[in-house]
Each structure stands twice: as C-alpha cells, then as structure tokens.
Amino acid sequence: MTSANPAPIIPALGVEPTYSAREAAALLSRSYSWLDQRVRNGEFVLPDGTVVQPLRTPGGYRRFTLEMLKDLALSCYRHGWFSFSELKSIFYELAKDAYGDADEGEIPG
C-alpha cells in the first residue's frame, strides 16, 4: 500500500526536487533576468560570505534546490531587496510548492 502523500518519502529515498532558473525566479516573485543577473554577479551570499552557487546540468543549465531557494530569499532580505513581509510570503510559497499535496493545507513540520 502506498501513501497518499509521497512528500515525506521522497527525501528518504535521497531524491531532492530541483527548480530551473525560471521556476526559481517565479517562486521568488522576480523576473528571470533579475535572478540571472544576481547569480552571475555572485550577489547571493550566506551569512558566512559563501556565494550560493546553483547546481548545473550536463548541458550547463542552472538548477536550484529548495534549500538554495531559501538561502536566496534570506540573502535578498539581508540585502534589503525583500521586506520581511515579502520574505514570509516567499517562504510560504516555497513550503506550498514543496508540500503541495499535504492534507487540509497543512505543511508538515
């Protein structure tokens, strides 16, 4: 018998969803060119100063994990590009996308 919600099982199998640069930009409520420009310039940084680098496909396309998108959003907040309200909204959208099949709109904790 399989679970109605595969979201908790996927990480246990070592499978992590990734998002294209266009999908990432949409989840961050920004344009592709806005995201592209900042990634190219190394403007997304962690608190320790490490630049957030997306994964690359064999064809060179950028892919972002959910954790990377969280890091991008937090970096935007630290830079002043997102208000706290925008940051909360982005985190809500990321959670909805990650756990979209959760029952009754609950996001697993």
PDB file of N, CA and C in Angstrom:
ATOM      1  N   MET A   1       0.841  -1.166   0.000  1.00  0.00           N
ATOM      2  CA  MET A   1       0.000   0.000   0.000  1.00  0.00           C
ATOM      3  C   MET A   1       0.891   1.236   0.000  1.00  0.00           C
ATOM      4  N   THR A   2       0.548   2.242  -0.795  1.00  0.00           N
ATOM      5  CA  THR A   2       1.354   3.450  -0.870  1.00  0.00           C
ATOM      6  C   THR A   2       0.673   4.584  -0.132  1.00  0.00           C
ATOM      7  N   SER A   3       1.493   5.532   0.297  1.00  0.00           N
ATOM      8  CA  SER A   3       0.987   6.716   0.988  1.00  0.00           C
ATOM      9  C   SER A   3       0.283   7.624  -0.014  1.00  0.00           C
ATOM     10  N   ALA A   4      -0.768   8.292   0.434  1.00  0.00           N
ATOM     11  CA  ALA A   4      -1.462   9.248  -0.426  1.00  0.00           C
ATOM     12  C   ALA A   4      -0.604  10.468  -0.672  1.00  0.00           C
ATOM     13  N   ASN A   5       0.316  10.753   0.227  1.00  0.00           N
ATOM     14  CA  ASN A   5       1.193  11.904   0.104  1.00  0.00           C
ATOM     15  C   ASN A   5       2.642  11.428   0.039  1.00  0.00           C
ATOM     16  N   PRO A   6       3.264  11.458  -1.146  1.00  0.00           N
ATOM     17  CA  PRO A   6       4.634  10.964  -1.269  1.00  0.00           C
ATOM     18  C   PRO A   6       5.682  11.935  -0.746  1.00  0.00           C
ATOM     19  N   ALA A   7       5.316  13.167  -0.378  1.00  0.00           N
ATOM     20  CA  ALA A   7       6.292  14.180   0.032  1.00  0.00           C
ATOM     21  C   ALA A   7       7.240  13.699   1.127  1.00  0.00           C
ATOM     22  N   PRO A   8       6.770  13.019   2.186  1.00  0.00           N
ATOM     23  CA  PRO A   8       7.717  12.581   3.219  1.00  0.00           C
ATOM     24  C   PRO A   8       8.629  11.451   2.766  1.00  0.00           C
ATOM     25  N   ILE A   9       8.235  10.702   1.761  1.00  0.00           N
ATOM     26  CA  ILE A   9       9.003   9.545   1.319  1.00  0.00           C
ATOM     27  C   ILE A   9      10.150   9.949   0.393  1.00  0.00           C
ATOM     28  N   ILE A  10       9.937  10.942  -0.445  1.00  0.00           N
ATOM     29  CA  ILE A  10      10.922  11.342  -1.453  1.00  0.00           C
ATOM     30  C   ILE A  10      12.281  11.663  -0.834  1.00  0.00           C
ATOM     31  N   PRO A  11      12.372  12.528   0.203  1.00  0.00           N
ATOM     32  CA  PRO A  11      13.697  12.804   0.782  1.00  0.00           C
ATOM     33  C   PRO A  11      14.358  11.564   1.367  1.00  0.00           C
ATOM     34  N   ALA A  12      13.573  10.656   1.913  1.00  0.00           N
ATOM     35  CA  ALA A  12      14.123   9.432   2.489  1.00  0.00           C
ATOM     36  C   ALA A  12      14.799   8.580   1.412  1.00  0.00           C
ATOM     37  N   LEU A  13      14.376   8.720   0.181  1.00  0.00           N
ATOM     38  CA  LEU A  13      14.965   7.971  -0.931  1.00  0.00           C
ATOM     39  C   LEU A  13      16.188   8.683  -1.514  1.00  0.00           C
ATOM     40  N   GLY A  14      16.493   9.862  -0.969  1.00  0.00           N
ATOM     41  CA  GLY A  14      17.636  10.612  -1.470  1.00  0.00           C
ATOM     42  C   GLY A  14      17.338  11.391  -2.734  1.00  0.00           C
ATOM     43  N   VAL A  15      16.064  11.583  -3.036  1.00  0.00           N
ATOM     44  CA  VAL A  15      15.664  12.337  -4.224  1.00  0.00           C
ATOM     45  C   VAL A  15      15.251  13.732  -3.771  1.00  0.00           C
ATOM     46  N   GLU A  16      15.895  14.723  -4.337  1.00  0.00           N
ATOM     47  CA  GLU A  16      15.584  16.103  -3.970  1.00  0.00           C
ATOM     48  C   GLU A  16      15.116  16.841  -5.222  1.00  0.00           C
ATOM     49  N   PRO A  17      13.952  17.471  -5.155  1.00  0.00           N
ATOM     50  CA  PRO A  17      13.497  18.207  -6.332  1.00  0.00           C
ATOM     51  C   PRO A  17      14.393  19.411  -6.594  1.00  0.00           C
ATOM     52  N   THR A  18      14.545  19.739  -7.859  1.00  0.00           N
ATOM     53  CA  THR A  18      15.280  20.952  -8.229  1.00  0.00           C
ATOM     54  C   THR A  18      14.390  21.791  -9.119  1.00  0.00           C
ATOM     55  N   TYR A  19      14.748  23.061  -9.196  1.00  0.00           N
ATOM     56  CA  TYR A  19      13.951  24.026  -9.944  1.00  0.00           C
ATOM     57  C   TYR A  19      14.844  24.725 -10.964  1.00  0.00           C
ATOM     58  N   SER A  20      14.305  24.955 -12.156  1.00  0.00           N
ATOM     59  CA  SER A  20      15.046  25.691 -13.175  1.00  0.00           C
ATOM     60  C   SER A  20      15.179  27.143 -12.728  1.00  0.00           C
ATOM     61  N   ALA A  21      16.021  27.891 -13.410  1.00  0.00           N
ATOM     62  CA  ALA A  21      16.184  29.310 -13.078  1.00  0.00           C
ATOM     63  C   ALA A  21      14.860  30.058 -13.266  1.00  0.00           C
ATOM     64  N   ARG A  22      14.106  29.716 -14.275  1.00  0.00           N
ATOM     65  CA  ARG A  22      12.804  30.378 -14.487  1.00  0.00           C
ATOM     66  C   ARG A  22      11.822  30.033 -13.375  1.00  0.00           C
ATOM     67  N   GLU A  23      11.797  28.761 -12.973  1.00  0.00           N
ATOM     68  CA  GLU A  23      10.927  28.354 -11.860  1.00  0.00           C
ATOM     69  C   GLU A  23      11.358  29.032 -10.560  1.00  0.00           C
ATOM     70  N   ALA A  24      12.671  29.103 -10.338  1.00  0.00           N
ATOM     71  CA  ALA A  24      13.192  29.752  -9.132  1.00  0.00           C
ATOM     72  C   ALA A  24      12.792  31.229  -9.107  1.00  0.00           C
ATOM     73  N   ALA A  25      12.941  31.897 -10.240  1.00  0.00           N
ATOM     74  CA  ALA A  25      12.576  33.315 -10.308  1.00  0.00           C
ATOM     75  C   ALA A  25      11.093  33.501 -10.001  1.00  0.00           C
ATOM     76  N   ALA A  26      10.255  32.647 -10.547  1.00  0.00           N
ATOM     77  CA  ALA A  26       8.814  32.745 -10.295  1.00  0.00           C
ATOM     78  C   ALA A  26       8.499  32.516  -8.819  1.00  0.00           C
ATOM     79  N   LEU A  27       9.151  31.524  -8.196  1.00  0.00           N
ATOM     80  CA  LEU A  27       8.923  31.265  -6.776  1.00  0.00           C
ATOM     81  C   LEU A  27       9.403  32.424  -5.907  1.00  0.00           C
ATOM     82  N   LEU A  28      10.397  33.168  -6.387  1.00  0.00           N
ATOM     83  CA  LEU A  28      10.895  34.338  -5.660  1.00  0.00           C
ATOM     84  C   LEU A  28      10.151  35.617  -6.048  1.00  0.00           C
ATOM     85  N   SER A  29       9.159  35.471  -6.913  1.00  0.00           N
ATOM     86  CA  SER A  29       8.365  36.622  -7.395  1.00  0.00           C
ATOM     87  C   SER A  29       9.232  37.680  -8.072  1.00  0.00           C
ATOM     88  N   ARG A  30      10.194  37.224  -8.840  1.00  0.00           N
ATOM     89  CA  ARG A  30      11.077  38.115  -9.577  1.00  0.00           C
ATOM     90  C   ARG A  30      11.193  37.597 -11.006  1.00  0.00           C
ATOM     91  N   SER A  31      11.775  38.416 -11.868  1.00  0.00           N
ATOM     92  CA  SER A  31      11.941  38.007 -13.263  1.00  0.00           C
ATOM     93  C   SER A  31      13.172  37.119 -13.413  1.00  0.00           C
ATOM     94  N   TYR A  32      13.185  36.373 -14.501  1.00  0.00           N
ATOM     95  CA  TYR A  32      14.338  35.525 -14.809  1.00  0.00           C
ATOM     96  C   TYR A  32      15.594  36.377 -14.930  1.00  0.00           C
ATOM     97  N   SER A  33      15.501  37.534 -15.612  1.00  0.00           N
ATOM     98  CA  SER A  33      16.693  38.365 -15.819  1.00  0.00           C
ATOM     99  C   SER A  33      17.214  38.931 -14.494  1.00  0.00           C
ATOM    100  N   TRP A  34      16.309  39.248 -13.553  1.00  0.00           N
ATOM    101  CA  TRP A  34      16.721  39.723 -12.229  1.00  0.00           C
ATOM    102  C   TRP A  34      17.548  38.645 -11.531  1.00  0.00           C
ATOM    103  N   LEU A  35      17.039  37.419 -11.527  1.00  0.00           N
ATOM    104  CA  LEU A  35      17.742  36.301 -10.895  1.00  0.00           C
ATOM    105  C   LEU A  35      19.058  36.022 -11.611  1.00  0.00           C
ATOM    106  N   ASP A  36      19.030  35.958 -12.928  1.00  0.00           N
ATOM    107  CA  ASP A  36      20.206  35.656 -13.729  1.00  0.00           C
ATOM    108  C   ASP A  36      21.330  36.644 -13.457  1.00  0.00           C
ATOM    109  N   GLN A  37      20.998  37.921 -13.432  1.00  0.00           N
ATOM    110  CA  GLN A  37      21.999  38.962 -13.218  1.00  0.00           C
ATOM    111  C   GLN A  37      22.661  38.818 -11.845  1.00  0.00           C
ATOM    112  N   ARG A  38      21.874  38.557 -10.819  1.00  0.00           N
ATOM    113  CA  ARG A  38      22.426  38.448  -9.473  1.00  0.00           C
ATOM    114  C   ARG A  38      23.228  37.157  -9.269  1.00  0.00           C
ATOM    115  N   VAL A  39      22.792  36.067  -9.905  1.00  0.00           N
ATOM    116  CA  VAL A  39      23.565  34.827  -9.816  1.00  0.00           C
ATOM    117  C   VAL A  39      24.910  35.013 -10.510  1.00  0.00           C
ATOM    118  N   ARG A  40      24.894  35.606 -11.695  1.00  0.00           N
ATOM    119  CA  ARG A  40      26.145  35.826 -12.447  1.00  0.00           C
ATOM    120  C   ARG A  40      27.129  36.716 -11.680  1.00  0.00           C
ATOM    121  N   ASN A  41      26.585  37.688 -10.936  1.00  0.00           N
ATOM    122  CA  ASN A  41      27.437  38.616 -10.186  1.00  0.00           C
ATOM    123  C   ASN A  41      27.800  38.107  -8.795  1.00  0.00           C
ATOM    124  N   GLY A  42      27.330  36.901  -8.440  1.00  0.00           N
ATOM    125  CA  GLY A  42      27.647  36.332  -7.129  1.00  0.00           C
ATOM    126  C   GLY A  42      27.077  37.136  -5.969  1.00  0.00           C
ATOM    127  N   GLU A  43      25.887  37.713  -6.160  1.00  0.00           N
ATOM    128  CA  GLU A  43      25.295  38.584  -5.149  1.00  0.00           C
ATOM    129  C   GLU A  43      24.499  37.847  -4.076  1.00  0.00           C
ATOM    130  N   PHE A  44      24.218  36.574  -4.266  1.00  0.00           N
ATOM    131  CA  PHE A  44      23.504  35.803  -3.249  1.00  0.00           C
ATOM    132  C   PHE A  44      24.533  35.140  -2.351  1.00  0.00           C
ATOM    133  N   VAL A  45      24.603  35.601  -1.102  1.00  0.00           N
ATOM    134  CA  VAL A  45      25.614  35.088  -0.191  1.00  0.00           C
ATOM    135  C   VAL A  45      24.989  34.617   1.116  1.00  0.00           C
ATOM    136  N   LEU A  46      25.621  33.618   1.696  1.00  0.00           N
ATOM    137  CA  LEU A  46      25.235  33.119   3.014  1.00  0.00           C
ATOM    138  C   LEU A  46      25.801  34.073   4.072  1.00  0.00           C
ATOM    139  N   PRO A  47      25.319  33.987   5.317  1.00  0.00           N
ATOM    140  CA  PRO A  47      25.848  34.871   6.362  1.00  0.00           C
ATOM    141  C   PRO A  47      27.367  34.790   6.542  1.00  0.00           C
ATOM    142  N   ASP A  48      27.962  33.637   6.216  1.00  0.00           N
ATOM    143  CA  ASP A  48      29.419  33.496   6.361  1.00  0.00           C
ATOM    144  C   ASP A  48      30.193  34.038   5.156  1.00  0.00           C
ATOM    145  N   GLY A  49      29.467  34.584   4.158  1.00  0.00           N
ATOM    146  CA  GLY A  49      30.112  35.162   2.983  1.00  0.00           C
ATOM    147  C   GLY A  49      30.239  34.225   1.799  1.00  0.00           C
ATOM    148  N   THR A  50      29.874  32.958   1.971  1.00  0.00           N
ATOM    149  CA  THR A  50      29.918  31.990   0.874  1.00  0.00           C
ATOM    150  C   THR A  50      28.862  32.343  -0.166  1.00  0.00           C
ATOM    151  N   VAL A  51      29.268  32.360  -1.421  1.00  0.00           N
ATOM    152  CA  VAL A  51      28.335  32.648  -2.511  1.00  0.00           C
ATOM    153  C   VAL A  51      27.494  31.409  -2.790  1.00  0.00           C
ATOM    154  N   VAL A  52      26.185  31.582  -2.921  1.00  0.00           N
ATOM    155  CA  VAL A  52      25.285  30.478  -3.250  1.00  0.00           C
ATOM    156  C   VAL A  52      25.438  30.194  -4.748  1.00  0.00           C
ATOM    157  N   GLN A  53      25.849  28.972  -5.066  1.00  0.00           N
ATOM    158  CA  GLN A  53      26.042  28.564  -6.458  1.00  0.00           C
ATOM    159  C   GLN A  53      25.021  27.495  -6.812  1.00  0.00           C
ATOM    160  N   PRO A  54      24.261  27.701  -7.883  1.00  0.00           N
ATOM    161  CA  PRO A  54      23.298  26.673  -8.282  1.00  0.00           C
ATOM    162  C   PRO A  54      24.006  25.439  -8.826  1.00  0.00           C
ATOM    163  N   LEU A  55      23.276  24.349  -8.847  1.00  0.00           N
ATOM    164  CA  LEU A  55      23.763  23.133  -9.497  1.00  0.00           C
ATOM    165  C   LEU A  55      23.761  23.379 -10.998  1.00  0.00           C
ATOM    166  N   ARG A  56      24.465  22.565 -11.745  1.00  0.00           N
ATOM    167  CA  ARG A  56      24.477  22.664 -13.213  1.00  0.00           C
ATOM    168  C   ARG A  56      24.137  21.309 -13.814  1.00  0.00           C
ATOM    169  N   THR A  57      23.300  21.352 -14.841  1.00  0.00           N
ATOM    170  CA  THR A  57      23.002  20.125 -15.583  1.00  0.00           C
ATOM    171  C   THR A  57      24.184  19.853 -16.512  1.00  0.00           C
ATOM    172  N   PRO A  58      24.250  18.647 -17.093  1.00  0.00           N
ATOM    173  CA  PRO A  58      25.330  18.386 -18.063  1.00  0.00           C
ATOM    174  C   PRO A  58      25.326  19.397 -19.215  1.00  0.00           C
ATOM    175  N   GLY A  59      24.164  19.962 -19.527  1.00  0.00           N
ATOM    176  CA  GLY A  59      24.072  20.962 -20.592  1.00  0.00           C
ATOM    177  C   GLY A  59      24.383  22.377 -20.127  1.00  0.00           C
ATOM    178  N   GLY A  60      24.682  22.534 -18.835  1.00  0.00           N
ATOM    179  CA  GLY A  60      25.058  23.847 -18.317  1.00  0.00           C
ATOM    180  C   GLY A  60      23.912  24.667 -17.739  1.00  0.00           C
ATOM    181  N   TYR A  61      22.704  24.109 -17.725  1.00  0.00           N
ATOM    182  CA  TYR A  61      21.569  24.849 -17.172  1.00  0.00           C
ATOM    183  C   TYR A  61      21.631  24.851 -15.652  1.00  0.00           C
ATOM    184  N   ARG A  62      21.222  25.977 -15.070  1.00  0.00           N
ATOM    185  CA  ARG A  62      21.230  26.087 -13.613  1.00  0.00           C
ATOM    186  C   ARG A  62      19.997  25.421 -13.017  1.00  0.00           C
ATOM    187  N   ARG A  63      20.214  24.743 -11.893  1.00  0.00           N
ATOM    188  CA  ARG A  63      19.131  24.125 -11.130  1.00  0.00           C
ATOM    189  C   ARG A  63      19.314  24.511  -9.666  1.00  0.00           C
ATOM    190  N   PHE A  64      18.194  24.786  -8.996  1.00  0.00           N
ATOM    191  CA  PHE A  64      18.219  25.220  -7.605  1.00  0.00           C
ATOM    192  C   PHE A  64      17.456  24.220  -6.743  1.00  0.00           C
ATOM    193  N   THR A  65      18.024  23.872  -5.598  1.00  0.00           N
ATOM    194  CA  THR A  65      17.308  23.034  -4.642  1.00  0.00           C
ATOM    195  C   THR A  65      16.429  23.942  -3.783  1.00  0.00           C
ATOM    196  N   LEU A  66      15.540  23.338  -3.038  1.00  0.00           N
ATOM    197  CA  LEU A  66      14.689  24.100  -2.136  1.00  0.00           C
ATOM    198  C   LEU A  66      15.545  24.847  -1.107  1.00  0.00           C
ATOM    199  N   GLU A  67      16.571  24.187  -0.602  1.00  0.00           N
ATOM    200  CA  GLU A  67      17.460  24.830   0.377  1.00  0.00           C
ATOM    201  C   GLU A  67      18.154  26.042  -0.238  1.00  0.00           C
ATOM    202  N   MET A  68      18.568  25.931  -1.500  1.00  0.00           N
ATOM    203  CA  MET A  68      19.193  27.068  -2.185  1.00  0.00           C
ATOM    204  C   MET A  68      18.213  28.220  -2.321  1.00  0.00           C
ATOM    205  N   LEU A  69      16.954  27.906  -2.637  1.00  0.00           N
ATOM    206  CA  LEU A  69      15.947  28.963  -2.778  1.00  0.00           C
ATOM    207  C   LEU A  69      15.709  29.661  -1.444  1.00  0.00           C
ATOM    208  N   LYS A  70      15.731  28.909  -0.350  1.00  0.00           N
ATOM    209  CA  LYS A  70      15.618  29.524   0.977  1.00  0.00           C
ATOM    210  C   LYS A  70      16.815  30.449   1.214  1.00  0.00           C
ATOM    211  N   ASP A  71      18.014  29.980   0.850  1.00  0.00           N
ATOM    212  CA  ASP A  71      19.215  30.802   1.015  1.00  0.00           C
ATOM    213  C   ASP A  71      19.141  32.067   0.166  1.00  0.00           C
ATOM    214  N   LEU A  72      18.627  31.948  -1.057  1.00  0.00           N
ATOM    215  CA  LEU A  72      18.480  33.123  -1.921  1.00  0.00           C
ATOM    216  C   LEU A  72      17.522  34.130  -1.298  1.00  0.00           C
ATOM    217  N   ALA A  73      16.390  33.635  -0.791  1.00  0.00           N
ATOM    218  CA  ALA A  73      15.393  34.518  -0.185  1.00  0.00           C
ATOM    219  C   ALA A  73      15.971  35.237   1.035  1.00  0.00           C
ATOM    220  N   LEU A  74      16.689  34.502   1.878  1.00  0.00           N
ATOM    221  CA  LEU A  74      17.295  35.124   3.060  1.00  0.00           C
ATOM    222  C   LEU A  74      18.369  36.141   2.664  1.00  0.00           C
ATOM    223  N   SER A  75      19.123  35.836   1.630  1.00  0.00           N
ATOM    224  CA  SER A  75      20.128  36.774   1.140  1.00  0.00           C
ATOM    225  C   SER A  75      19.450  38.051   0.642  1.00  0.00           C
ATOM    226  N   CYS A  76      18.340  37.888  -0.064  1.00  0.00           N
ATOM    227  CA  CYS A  76      17.587  39.052  -0.553  1.00  0.00           C
ATOM    228  C   CYS A  76      17.109  39.918   0.609  1.00  0.00           C
ATOM    229  N   TYR A  77      16.664  39.279   1.669  1.00  0.00           N
ATOM    230  CA  TYR A  77      16.213  40.014   2.844  1.00  0.00           C
ATOM    231  C   TYR A  77      17.384  40.774   3.476  1.00  0.00           C
ATOM    232  N   ARG A  78      18.523  40.105   3.613  1.00  0.00           N
ATOM    233  CA  ARG A  78      19.697  40.758   4.211  1.00  0.00           C
ATOM    234  C   ARG A  78      20.181  41.930   3.363  1.00  0.00           C
ATOM    235  N   HIS A  79      20.042  41.821   2.023  1.00  0.00           N
ATOM    236  CA  HIS A  79      20.436  42.911   1.119  1.00  0.00           C
ATOM    237  C   HIS A  79      19.420  44.051   1.107  1.00  0.00           C
ATOM    238  N   GLY A  80      18.231  43.785   1.650  1.00  0.00           N
ATOM    239  CA  GLY A  80      17.182  44.807   1.610  1.00  0.00           C
ATOM    240  C   GLY A  80      16.339  44.747   0.346  1.00  0.00           C
ATOM    241  N   TRP A  81      16.509  43.670  -0.444  1.00  0.00           N
ATOM    242  CA  TRP A  81      15.731  43.513  -1.680  1.00  0.00           C
ATOM    243  C   TRP A  81      14.330  42.994  -1.389  1.00  0.00           C
ATOM    244  N   PHE A  82      14.151  42.315  -0.256  1.00  0.00           N
ATOM    245  CA  PHE A  82      12.840  41.827   0.182  1.00  0.00           C
ATOM    246  C   PHE A  82      12.530  42.465   1.528  1.00  0.00           C
ATOM    247  N   SER A  83      11.273  42.857   1.713  1.00  0.00           N
ATOM    248  CA  SER A  83      10.806  43.266   3.037  1.00  0.00           C
ATOM    249  C   SER A  83      10.562  41.987   3.850  1.00  0.00           C
ATOM    250  N   PHE A  84      10.344  42.147   5.152  1.00  0.00           N
ATOM    251  CA  PHE A  84      10.047  40.973   5.969  1.00  0.00           C
ATOM    252  C   PHE A  84       8.749  40.320   5.503  1.00  0.00           C
ATOM    253  N   SER A  85       7.784  41.140   5.116  1.00  0.00           N
ATOM    254  CA  SER A  85       6.507  40.624   4.614  1.00  0.00           C
ATOM    255  C   SER A  85       6.715  39.804   3.341  1.00  0.00           C
ATOM    256  N   GLU A  86       7.553  40.313   2.436  1.00  0.00           N
ATOM    257  CA  GLU A  86       7.858  39.560   1.206  1.00  0.00           C
ATOM    258  C   GLU A  86       8.570  38.251   1.538  1.00  0.00           C
ATOM    259  N   LEU A  87       9.494  38.296   2.489  1.00  0.00           N
ATOM    260  CA  LEU A  87      10.222  37.095   2.883  1.00  0.00           C
ATOM    261  C   LEU A  87       9.257  36.032   3.400  1.00  0.00           C
ATOM    262  N   LYS A  88       8.330  36.430   4.260  1.00  0.00           N
ATOM    263  CA  LYS A  88       7.341  35.478   4.775  1.00  0.00           C
ATOM    264  C   LYS A  88       6.515  34.895   3.641  1.00  0.00           C
ATOM    265  N   SER A  89       6.114  35.730   2.706  1.00  0.00           N
ATOM    266  CA  SER A  89       5.315  35.275   1.568  1.00  0.00           C
ATOM    267  C   SER A  89       6.097  34.281   0.709  1.00  0.00           C
ATOM    268  N   ILE A  90       7.378  34.567   0.475  1.00  0.00           N
ATOM    269  CA  ILE A  90       8.231  33.676  -0.324  1.00  0.00           C
ATOM    270  C   ILE A  90       8.373  32.328   0.385  1.00  0.00           C
ATOM    271  N   PHE A  91       8.624  32.353   1.694  1.00  0.00           N
ATOM    272  CA  PHE A  91       8.761  31.093   2.439  1.00  0.00           C
ATOM    273  C   PHE A  91       7.465  30.295   2.413  1.00  0.00           C
ATOM    274  N   TYR A  92       6.343  30.990   2.473  1.00  0.00           N
ATOM    275  CA  TYR A  92       5.052  30.306   2.385  1.00  0.00           C
ATOM    276  C   TYR A  92       4.911  29.636   1.017  1.00  0.00           C
ATOM    277  N   GLU A  93       5.249  30.358  -0.046  1.00  0.00           N
ATOM    278  CA  GLU A  93       5.162  29.792  -1.407  1.00  0.00           C
ATOM    279  C   GLU A  93       6.103  28.603  -1.577  1.00  0.00           C
ATOM    280  N   LEU A  94       7.307  28.715  -1.024  1.00  0.00           N
ATOM    281  CA  LEU A  94       8.256  27.598  -1.117  1.00  0.00           C
ATOM    282  C   LEU A  94       7.723  26.377  -0.382  1.00  0.00           C
ATOM    283  N   ALA A  95       7.129  26.594   0.785  1.00  0.00           N
ATOM    284  CA  ALA A  95       6.561  25.480   1.554  1.00  0.00           C
ATOM    285  C   ALA A  95       5.386  24.864   0.808  1.00  0.00           C
ATOM    286  N   LYS A  96       4.539  25.708   0.221  1.00  0.00           N
ATOM    287  CA  LYS A  96       3.399  25.187  -0.556  1.00  0.00           C
ATOM    288  C   LYS A  96       3.888  24.359  -1.733  1.00  0.00           C
ATOM    289  N   ASP A  97       4.919  24.842  -2.395  1.00  0.00           N
ATOM    290  CA  ASP A  97       5.425  24.108  -3.553  1.00  0.00           C
ATOM    291  C   ASP A  97       6.054  22.785  -3.120  1.00  0.00           C
ATOM    292  N   ALA A  98       6.776  22.804  -2.030  1.00  0.00           N
ATOM    293  CA  ALA A  98       7.442  21.588  -1.554  1.00  0.00           C
ATOM    294  C   ALA A  98       6.460  20.561  -1.012  1.00  0.00           C
ATOM    295  N   TYR A  99       5.393  21.026  -0.362  1.00  0.00           N
ATOM    296  CA  TYR A  99       4.451  20.126   0.306  1.00  0.00           C
ATOM    297  C   TYR A  99       3.039  20.313  -0.225  1.00  0.00           C
ATOM    298  N   GLY A 100       2.917  20.620  -1.494  1.00  0.00           N
ATOM    299  CA  GLY A 100       1.633  20.942  -2.097  1.00  0.00           C
ATOM    300  C   GLY A 100       0.559  19.894  -1.942  1.00  0.00           C
ATOM    301  N   ASP A 101       0.913  18.628  -1.730  1.00  0.00           N
ATOM    302  CA  ASP A 101      -0.080  17.570  -1.613  1.00  0.00           C
ATOM    303  C   ASP A 101      -0.474  17.282  -0.170  1.00  0.00           C
ATOM    304  N   ALA A 102      -0.001  18.102   0.773  1.00  0.00           N
ATOM    305  CA  ALA A 102      -0.316  17.853   2.180  1.00  0.00           C
ATOM    306  C   ALA A 102      -1.819  17.979   2.406  1.00  0.00           C
ATOM    307  N   ASP A 103      -2.357  17.157   3.302  1.00  0.00           N
ATOM    308  CA  ASP A 103      -3.785  17.162   3.597  1.00  0.00           C
ATOM    309  C   ASP A 103      -4.221  18.459   4.255  1.00  0.00           C
ATOM    310  N   GLU A 104      -5.401  18.938   3.889  1.00  0.00           N
ATOM    311  CA  GLU A 104      -6.040  20.082   4.521  1.00  0.00           C
ATOM    312  C   GLU A 104      -5.158  21.327   4.540  1.00  0.00           C
ATOM    313  N   GLY A 105      -4.273  21.465   3.583  1.00  0.00           N
ATOM    314  CA  GLY A 105      -3.437  22.643   3.517  1.00  0.00           C
ATOM    315  C   GLY A 105      -2.376  22.713   4.595  1.00  0.00           C
ATOM    316  N   GLU A 106      -2.172  21.639   5.350  1.00  0.00           N
ATOM    317  CA  GLU A 106      -1.152  21.641   6.401  1.00  0.00           C
ATOM    318  C   GLU A 106       0.222  21.413   5.789  1.00  0.00           C
ATOM    319  N   ILE A 107       1.164  22.145   6.291  1.00  0.00           N
ATOM    320  CA  ILE A 107       2.525  21.987   5.830  1.00  0.00           C
ATOM    321  C   ILE A 107       3.263  21.185   6.900  1.00  0.00           C
ATOM    322  N   PRO A 108       3.786  19.993   6.528  1.00  0.00           N
ATOM    323  CA  PRO A 108       4.447  19.138   7.526  1.00  0.00           C
ATOM    324  C   PRO A 108       5.588  19.878   8.221  1.00  0.00           C
ATOM    325  N   GLY A 109       5.769  19.604   9.518  1.00  0.00           N
ATOM    326  CA  GLY A 109       6.817  20.292  10.288  1.00  0.00           C
ATOM    327  C   GLY A 109       8.024  19.486  10.501  1.00  0.00           C
TER     328      GLY A 109
END
